[in-house]
C-alpha atoms as a PDB file:
ATOM      1  CA  MET A   1      42.292  10.799  43.689  1.00  0.00           C
ATOM      2  CA  ILE A   2      40.582  13.672  41.936  1.00  0.00           C
ATOM      3  CA  HIS A   3      37.441  13.412  39.953  1.00  0.00           C
ATOM      4  CA  ALA A   4      35.252  16.264  38.596  1.00  0.00           C
ATOM      5  CA  ASP A   5      31.989  15.537  36.689  1.00  0.00           C
ATOM      6  CA  GLN A   6      30.088  18.197  34.833  1.00  0.00           C
ATOM      7  CA  LEU A   7      31.660  20.776  37.120  1.00  0.00           C
ATOM      8  CA  THR A   8      30.330  24.304  36.724  1.00  0.00           C
ATOM      9  CA  ARG A   9      31.293  27.608  38.424  1.00  0.00           C
ATOM     10  CA  THR A  10      29.073  30.477  37.379  1.00  0.00           C
ATOM     11  CA  TYR A  11      29.535  34.182  38.695  1.00  0.00           C
ATOM     12  CA  GLN A  12      26.821  36.897  38.441  1.00  0.00           C
ATOM     13  CA  ILE A  13      28.160  40.469  37.904  1.00  0.00           C
ATOM     14  CA  GLY A  14      25.208  42.630  37.761  1.00  0.00           C
ATOM     15  CA  THR A  15      23.021  41.369  34.909  1.00  0.00           C
ATOM     16  CA  GLN A  16      25.825  39.619  33.443  1.00  0.00           C
ATOM     17  CA  ARG A  17      26.383  35.754  33.937  1.00  0.00           C
ATOM     18  CA  ILE A  18      29.989  34.470  33.590  1.00  0.00           C
ATOM     19  CA  ASP A  19      30.661  30.635  33.171  1.00  0.00           C
ATOM     20  CA  ALA A  20      34.182  30.531  34.600  1.00  0.00           C
ATOM     21  CA  LEU A  21      33.911  26.683  34.440  1.00  0.00           C
ATOM     22  CA  ALA A  22      31.543  24.967  31.924  1.00  0.00           C
ATOM     23  CA  ARG A  23      30.523  21.369  32.694  1.00  0.00           C
ATOM     24  CA  MET A  24      33.976  20.166  33.150  1.00  0.00           C
ATOM     25  CA  THR A  25      35.178  16.645  33.571  1.00  0.00           C
ATOM     26  CA  LEU A  26      38.515  15.601  34.921  1.00  0.00           C
ATOM     27  CA  THR A  27      40.188  12.565  36.433  1.00  0.00           C
ATOM     28  CA  ILE A  28      43.558  12.622  38.069  1.00  0.00           C
ATOM     29  CA  HIS A  29      45.030   9.326  39.498  1.00  0.00           C
ATOM     30  CA  ASP A  30      46.712   8.873  42.881  1.00  0.00           C
ATOM     31  CA  GLY A  31      50.467  10.113  42.709  1.00  0.00           C
ATOM     32  CA  GLU A  32      50.070  11.456  39.175  1.00  0.00           C
ATOM     33  CA  ARG A  33      51.775  14.725  38.140  1.00  0.00           C
ATOM     34  CA  THR A  34      49.638  16.982  36.094  1.00  0.00           C
ATOM     35  CA  ALA A  35      49.739  20.321  34.575  1.00  0.00           C
ATOM     36  CA  ILE A  36      47.044  22.737  33.444  1.00  0.00           C
ATOM     37  CA  ILE A  37      47.945  25.527  30.931  1.00  0.00           C
ATOM     38  CA  GLY A  38      45.879  28.454  29.818  1.00  0.00           C
ATOM     39  CA  ARG A  39      45.797  32.091  29.237  1.00  0.00           C
ATOM     40  CA  SER A  40      44.840  34.657  31.941  1.00  0.00           C
ATOM     41  CA  GLY A  41      40.979  34.392  32.417  1.00  0.00           C
ATOM     42  CA  SER A  42      40.628  30.881  30.964  1.00  0.00           C
ATOM     43  CA  GLY A  43      39.356  29.462  34.189  1.00  0.00           C
ATOM     44  CA  LYS A  44      42.385  27.745  35.530  1.00  0.00           C
ATOM     45  CA  SER A  45      42.512  29.804  38.677  1.00  0.00           C
ATOM     46  CA  THR A  46      38.931  29.017  39.273  1.00  0.00           C
ATOM     47  CA  LEU A  47      39.538  25.394  38.992  1.00  0.00           C
ATOM     48  CA  LEU A  48      42.456  25.632  41.607  1.00  0.00           C
ATOM     49  CA  ASN A  49      40.344  27.427  44.013  1.00  0.00           C
ATOM     50  CA  LEU A  50      37.669  24.756  43.811  1.00  0.00           C
ATOM     51  CA  LEU A  51      40.384  21.977  44.363  1.00  0.00           C
ATOM     52  CA  ALA A  52      41.919  23.931  47.306  1.00  0.00           C
ATOM     53  CA  GLY A  53      38.625  24.330  48.949  1.00  0.00           C
ATOM     54  CA  LEU A  54      38.595  28.072  48.688  1.00  0.00           C
ATOM     55  CA  ASP A  55      35.370  28.057  46.700  1.00  0.00           C
ATOM     56  CA  ARG A  56      32.516  25.816  45.990  1.00  0.00           C
ATOM     57  CA  PRO A  57      31.013  24.660  42.583  1.00  0.00           C
ATOM     58  CA  SER A  58      27.844  26.131  41.267  1.00  0.00           C
ATOM     59  CA  SER A  59      26.865  22.595  40.100  1.00  0.00           C
ATOM     60  CA  GLY A  60      28.373  19.227  39.440  1.00  0.00           C
ATOM     61  CA  THR A  61      30.421  16.877  41.546  1.00  0.00           C
ATOM     62  CA  LEU A  62      33.988  17.369  42.866  1.00  0.00           C
ATOM     63  CA  CYS A  63      35.696  14.504  44.779  1.00  0.00           C
ATOM     64  CA  VAL A  64      39.305  14.644  46.249  1.00  0.00           C
ATOM     65  CA  ASN A  65      40.701  11.855  48.122  1.00  0.00           C
ATOM     66  CA  GLU A  66      37.169  10.331  48.515  1.00  0.00           C
ATOM     67  CA  GLN A  67      35.720  13.680  49.875  1.00  0.00           C
ATOM     68  CA  ARG A  68      32.904  15.326  48.092  1.00  0.00           C
ATOM     69  CA  LEU A  69      33.818  18.908  48.046  1.00  0.00           C
ATOM     70  CA  ASP A  70      30.541  19.921  46.744  1.00  0.00           C
ATOM     71  CA  GLN A  71      28.828  18.544  49.713  1.00  0.00           C
ATOM     72  CA  ILE A  72      31.114  18.658  52.856  1.00  0.00           C
ATOM     73  CA  SER A  73      30.599  21.119  55.709  1.00  0.00           C
ATOM     74  CA  ARG A  74      32.518  24.255  56.566  1.00  0.00           C
ATOM     75  CA  ASN A  75      34.439  22.530  59.295  1.00  0.00           C
ATOM     76  CA  GLU A  76      35.141  19.475  57.203  1.00  0.00           C
ATOM     77  CA  MET A  77      36.501  21.777  54.441  1.00  0.00           C
ATOM     78  CA  ALA A  78      38.918  23.506  56.883  1.00  0.00           C
ATOM     79  CA  GLU A  79      40.288  20.010  57.878  1.00  0.00           C
ATOM     80  CA  TYR A  80      40.607  19.153  54.154  1.00  0.00           C
ATOM     81  CA  ARG A  81      42.607  22.347  53.451  1.00  0.00           C
ATOM     82  CA  LEU A  82      44.771  21.508  56.496  1.00  0.00           C
ATOM     83  CA  ARG A  83      45.388  17.859  55.924  1.00  0.00           C
ATOM     84  CA  THR A  84      44.761  16.888  52.467  1.00  0.00           C
ATOM     85  CA  ILE A  85      46.313  19.523  50.374  1.00  0.00           C
ATOM     86  CA  GLY A  86      49.254  21.874  50.371  1.00  0.00           C
ATOM     87  CA  VAL A  87      49.143  24.996  48.108  1.00  0.00           C
ATOM     88  CA  ILE A  88      52.086  26.872  46.607  1.00  0.00           C
ATOM     89  CA  PHE A  89      51.515  30.312  45.224  1.00  0.00           C
ATOM     90  CA  GLN A  90      53.258  32.532  42.673  1.00  0.00           C
ATOM     91  CA  SER A  91      53.845  35.260  45.234  1.00  0.00           C
ATOM     92  CA  PHE A  92      54.996  32.931  47.991  1.00  0.00           C
ATOM     93  CA  GLN A  93      52.595  34.144  50.578  1.00  0.00           C
ATOM     94  CA  LEU A  94      54.984  34.022  53.504  1.00  0.00           C
ATOM     95  CA  VAL A  95      54.317  35.751  56.663  1.00  0.00           C
ATOM     96  CA  PRO A  96      56.843  38.602  56.693  1.00  0.00           C
ATOM     97  CA  GLN A  97      57.349  38.878  60.373  1.00  0.00           C
ATOM     98  CA  ARG A  98      58.085  35.098  60.749  1.00  0.00           C
ATOM     99  CA  THR A  99      61.325  33.416  59.889  1.00  0.00           C
ATOM    100  CA  ALA A 100      61.685  30.713  57.554  1.00  0.00           C
ATOM    101  CA  LEU A 101      61.491  27.979  60.265  1.00  0.00           C
ATOM    102  CA  GLN A 102      58.355  29.668  61.680  1.00  0.00           C
ATOM    103  CA  ASN A 103      56.660  29.902  58.400  1.00  0.00           C
ATOM    104  CA  VAL A 104      57.311  26.175  57.802  1.00  0.00           C
ATOM    105  CA  GLU A 105      55.874  25.623  61.298  1.00  0.00           C
ATOM    106  CA  LEU A 106      52.565  27.137  60.756  1.00  0.00           C
ATOM    107  CA  PRO A 107      50.667  24.102  59.357  1.00  0.00           C
ATOM    108  CA  LEU A 108      52.072  21.925  62.272  1.00  0.00           C
ATOM    109  CA  ILE A 109      50.719  24.440  64.779  1.00  0.00           C
ATOM    110  CA  LEU A 110      47.413  24.242  63.128  1.00  0.00           C
ATOM    111  CA  SER A 111      47.670  20.466  63.336  1.00  0.00           C
ATOM    112  CA  GLY A 112      48.147  20.479  67.001  1.00  0.00           C
ATOM    113  CA  VAL A 113      51.796  19.396  66.956  1.00  0.00           C
ATOM    114  CA  ALA A 114      53.741  20.062  70.060  1.00  0.00           C
ATOM    115  CA  ASN A 115      56.429  22.702  70.074  1.00  0.00           C
ATOM    116  CA  TYR A 116      59.529  20.421  70.130  1.00  0.00           C
ATOM    117  CA  GLY A 117      58.106  18.086  67.618  1.00  0.00           C
ATOM    118  CA  ARG A 118      57.143  20.644  65.108  1.00  0.00           C
ATOM    119  CA  LYS A 119      60.522  22.606  65.389  1.00  0.00           C
ATOM    120  CA  LYS A 120      62.233  19.246  64.555  1.00  0.00           C
ATOM    121  CA  ILE A 121      59.881  18.482  61.670  1.00  0.00           C
ATOM    122  CA  ALA A 122      60.069  22.022  60.199  1.00  0.00           C
ATOM    123  CA  THR A 123      64.092  21.915  60.531  1.00  0.00           C
ATOM    124  CA  GLU A 124      64.050  18.640  58.659  1.00  0.00           C
ATOM    125  CA  TRP A 125      62.059  20.138  55.879  1.00  0.00           C
ATOM    126  CA  LEU A 126      64.124  23.301  55.513  1.00  0.00           C
ATOM    127  CA  THR A 127      67.100  20.915  55.284  1.00  0.00           C
ATOM    128  CA  ARG A 128      65.441  18.902  52.508  1.00  0.00           C
ATOM    129  CA  VAL A 129      64.852  22.076  50.467  1.00  0.00           C
ATOM    130  CA  GLY A 130      68.474  23.369  51.115  1.00  0.00           C
ATOM    131  CA  LEU A 131      67.680  26.033  53.466  1.00  0.00           C
ATOM    132  CA  TYR A 132      68.974  24.817  57.019  1.00  0.00           C
ATOM    133  CA  ASP A 133      71.532  27.629  57.147  1.00  0.00           C
ATOM    134  CA  ARG A 134      68.748  30.267  56.375  1.00  0.00           C
ATOM    135  CA  ARG A 135      66.281  28.981  58.902  1.00  0.00           C
ATOM    136  CA  ASP A 136      66.230  32.007  61.081  1.00  0.00           C
ATOM    137  CA  HIS A 137      65.982  34.546  58.163  1.00  0.00           C
ATOM    138  CA  LEU A 138      63.032  36.594  57.522  1.00  0.00           C
ATOM    139  CA  PRO A 139      61.359  36.495  54.164  1.00  0.00           C
ATOM    140  CA  SER A 140      62.679  39.950  53.294  1.00  0.00           C
ATOM    141  CA  GLN A 141      66.297  38.626  53.844  1.00  0.00           C
ATOM    142  CA  LEU A 142      65.721  35.770  51.282  1.00  0.00           C
ATOM    143  CA  SER A 143      65.972  35.707  47.556  1.00  0.00           C
ATOM    144  CA  GLY A 144      62.834  34.843  45.455  1.00  0.00           C
ATOM    145  CA  GLY A 145      64.015  31.331  44.917  1.00  0.00           C
ATOM    146  CA  GLU A 146      64.771  30.877  48.545  1.00  0.00           C
ATOM    147  CA  GLN A 147      61.264  32.163  49.498  1.00  0.00           C
ATOM    148  CA  GLN A 148      59.649  29.665  47.130  1.00  0.00           C
ATOM    149  CA  ARG A 149      61.810  26.823  48.626  1.00  0.00           C
ATOM    150  CA  VAL A 150      60.361  27.784  52.108  1.00  0.00           C
ATOM    151  CA  ALA A 151      56.934  27.850  50.545  1.00  0.00           C
ATOM    152  CA  ILE A 152      57.362  24.413  49.230  1.00  0.00           C
ATOM    153  CA  ALA A 153      58.618  23.073  52.526  1.00  0.00           C
ATOM    154  CA  ARG A 154      55.433  24.608  54.217  1.00  0.00           C
ATOM    155  CA  ALA A 155      53.137  23.002  51.638  1.00  0.00           C
ATOM    156  CA  LEU A 156      54.591  19.567  52.294  1.00  0.00           C
ATOM    157  CA  VAL A 157      55.348  19.672  55.943  1.00  0.00           C
ATOM    158  CA  ASN A 158      52.004  17.898  56.871  1.00  0.00           C
ATOM    159  CA  ARG A 159      52.673  15.250  53.949  1.00  0.00           C
ATOM    160  CA  PRO A 160      49.318  16.247  51.999  1.00  0.00           C
ATOM    161  CA  LYS A 161      47.777  13.842  49.482  1.00  0.00           C
ATOM    162  CA  VAL A 162      47.700  16.638  46.985  1.00  0.00           C
ATOM    163  CA  ILE A 163      50.032  19.602  45.926  1.00  0.00           C
ATOM    164  CA  LEU A 164      48.297  22.579  44.167  1.00  0.00           C
ATOM    165  CA  ALA A 165      50.785  25.082  42.527  1.00  0.00           C
ATOM    166  CA  ASP A 166      49.453  28.345  41.102  1.00  0.00           C
ATOM    167  CA  GLU A 167      52.178  29.721  38.718  1.00  0.00           C
ATOM    168  CA  PRO A 168      54.871  28.746  41.045  1.00  0.00           C
ATOM    169  CA  THR A 169      57.670  30.086  38.888  1.00  0.00           C
ATOM    170  CA  GLY A 170      55.995  33.102  37.708  1.00  0.00           C
ATOM    171  CA  ASN A 171      58.284  35.433  39.915  1.00  0.00           C
ATOM    172  CA  LEU A 172      61.353  33.583  39.232  1.00  0.00           C
ATOM    173  CA  ASP A 173      64.228  33.733  36.624  1.00  0.00           C
ATOM    174  CA  THR A 174      64.711  30.844  34.137  1.00  0.00           C
ATOM    175  CA  GLN A 175      67.458  29.113  35.893  1.00  0.00           C
ATOM    176  CA  THR A 176      65.857  29.460  39.394  1.00  0.00           C
ATOM    177  CA  ALA A 177      62.406  28.372  37.919  1.00  0.00           C
ATOM    178  CA  SER A 178      63.981  25.246  36.718  1.00  0.00           C
ATOM    179  CA  GLU A 179      65.591  24.337  39.857  1.00  0.00           C
ATOM    180  CA  ILE A 180      62.449  25.042  41.941  1.00  0.00           C
ATOM    181  CA  MET A 181      60.362  22.796  39.623  1.00  0.00           C
ATOM    182  CA  SER A 182      63.029  20.013  39.791  1.00  0.00           C
ATOM    183  CA  LEU A 183      63.003  20.193  43.516  1.00  0.00           C
ATOM    184  CA  LEU A 184      59.181  20.252  43.906  1.00  0.00           C
ATOM    185  CA  MET A 185      58.618  17.283  41.479  1.00  0.00           C
ATOM    186  CA  SER A 186      61.419  15.254  43.202  1.00  0.00           C
ATOM    187  CA  LEU A 187      59.852  15.856  46.626  1.00  0.00           C
ATOM    188  CA  CYS A 188      56.317  14.925  45.283  1.00  0.00           C
ATOM    189  CA  GLN A 189      57.701  11.769  43.647  1.00  0.00           C
ATOM    190  CA  GLN A 190      59.412  10.698  46.860  1.00  0.00           C
ATOM    191  CA  LEU A 191      56.200  11.153  48.881  1.00  0.00           C
ATOM    192  CA  GLY A 192      53.869   9.827  46.244  1.00  0.00           C
ATOM    193  CA  THR A 193      51.934  13.100  46.320  1.00  0.00           C
ATOM    194  CA  THR A 194      49.547  13.856  43.553  1.00  0.00           C
ATOM    195  CA  SER A 195      50.315  17.411  41.985  1.00  0.00           C
ATOM    196  CA  VAL A 196      48.498  19.834  39.861  1.00  0.00           C
ATOM    197  CA  ILE A 197      50.502  22.741  38.359  1.00  0.00           C
ATOM    198  CA  VAL A 198      48.698  25.657  36.927  1.00  0.00           C
ATOM    199  CA  THR A 199      50.861  27.726  34.490  1.00  0.00           C
ATOM    200  CA  HIS A 200      50.806  29.724  31.454  1.00  0.00           C
ATOM    201  CA  ASP A 201      54.349  28.440  30.470  1.00  0.00           C
ATOM    202  CA  GLY A 202      54.434  25.315  28.132  1.00  0.00           C
ATOM    203  CA  HIS A 203      57.852  24.436  29.011  1.00  0.00           C
ATOM    204  CA  VAL A 204      57.101  24.340  32.701  1.00  0.00           C
ATOM    205  CA  ALA A 205      53.880  22.142  32.113  1.00  0.00           C
ATOM    206  CA  LYS A 206      55.853  19.600  29.990  1.00  0.00           C
ATOM    207  CA  THR A 207      58.898  19.343  32.253  1.00  0.00           C
ATOM    208  CA  CYS A 208      56.907  19.004  35.447  1.00  0.00           C
ATOM    209  CA  SER A 209      54.035  16.746  34.590  1.00  0.00           C
ATOM    210  CA  GLN A 210      53.084  13.340  33.088  1.00  0.00           C
ATOM    211  CA  ARG A 211      49.933  14.620  31.611  1.00  0.00           C
ATOM    212  CA  GLN A 212      49.032  18.190  30.370  1.00  0.00           C
ATOM    213  CA  PHE A 213      45.644  19.797  29.942  1.00  0.00           C
ATOM    214  CA  ARG A 214      44.683  23.079  28.288  1.00  0.00           C
ATOM    215  CA  MET A 215      41.913  25.395  29.681  1.00  0.00           C
ATOM    216  CA  THR A 216      40.067  27.451  27.210  1.00  0.00           C
ATOM    217  CA  ASN A 217      37.007  29.559  28.295  1.00  0.00           C
ATOM    218  CA  GLY A 218      36.253  27.334  31.168  1.00  0.00           C
ATOM    219  CA  ALA A 219      36.544  23.996  29.086  1.00  0.00           C
ATOM    220  CA  LEU A 220      39.461  21.530  29.688  1.00  0.00           C
ATOM    221  CA  ALA A 221      40.989  19.244  27.218  1.00  0.00           C
ATOM    222  CA  GLU A 222      43.968  16.882  27.600  1.00  0.00           C
ATOM    223  CA  VAL A 223      46.962  17.722  25.421  1.00  0.00           C
ATOM    224  CA  THR A 224      47.964  15.030  23.082  1.00  0.00           C
ATOM    225  CA  ALA A 225      51.767  13.888  22.772  1.00  0.00           C
ATOM    226  CA  ASP A 226      52.352  15.681  19.491  1.00  0.00           C
ATOM    227  CA  GLU A 227      50.504  18.798  20.386  1.00  0.00           C
ATOM    228  CA  VAL A 228      52.651  21.944  20.921  1.00  0.00           C
ATOM    229  CA  LEU A 229      52.016  23.838  24.163  1.00  0.00           C
END
């Protein structure tokens, strides 16, 4: 499903060269639930941006769902972002002027789903995340946990092959965070969706994944069963 080989991302700031990712190798199998843990600046967000098709590697290969992200065109990359992946952000990234239902509809609009069909599908997904009764509320009228549930529905509405989550519990209290991760993992398991969770929280990493990786200075290493996160 996901394979990176000798993956490198380098940034040039003035005369300084920064190796955000340093010849990284990674394989994640179809349907596998994984977590990447690391401190701020370790390179985990850089990796997530590459997997999300928001950036391109400086060198090496990156293949997701049999697509070479280091080689495909700009139009192919846009199609990849729409149909292959779903992204969940720490800050929810909901459109403030749109209702919960309208936010979930957005990927369906971009996919060309007709009005009646997309409203039906979006309503079904809001029901699955427990927000049917809040479908006409704006993000400002929802709690943090409710906003993240809307974001989960929006990320999954096109049934992507891969879910990428960037600190999805960072703005939530402990109880709500646990509920959100349980919901997300349950939905991914039902759909057979591959998931990559980026977090600094070792507890979240262990409870939401089958395999954990630690990112340090742009290098990735799998965490062994007896290692403390």
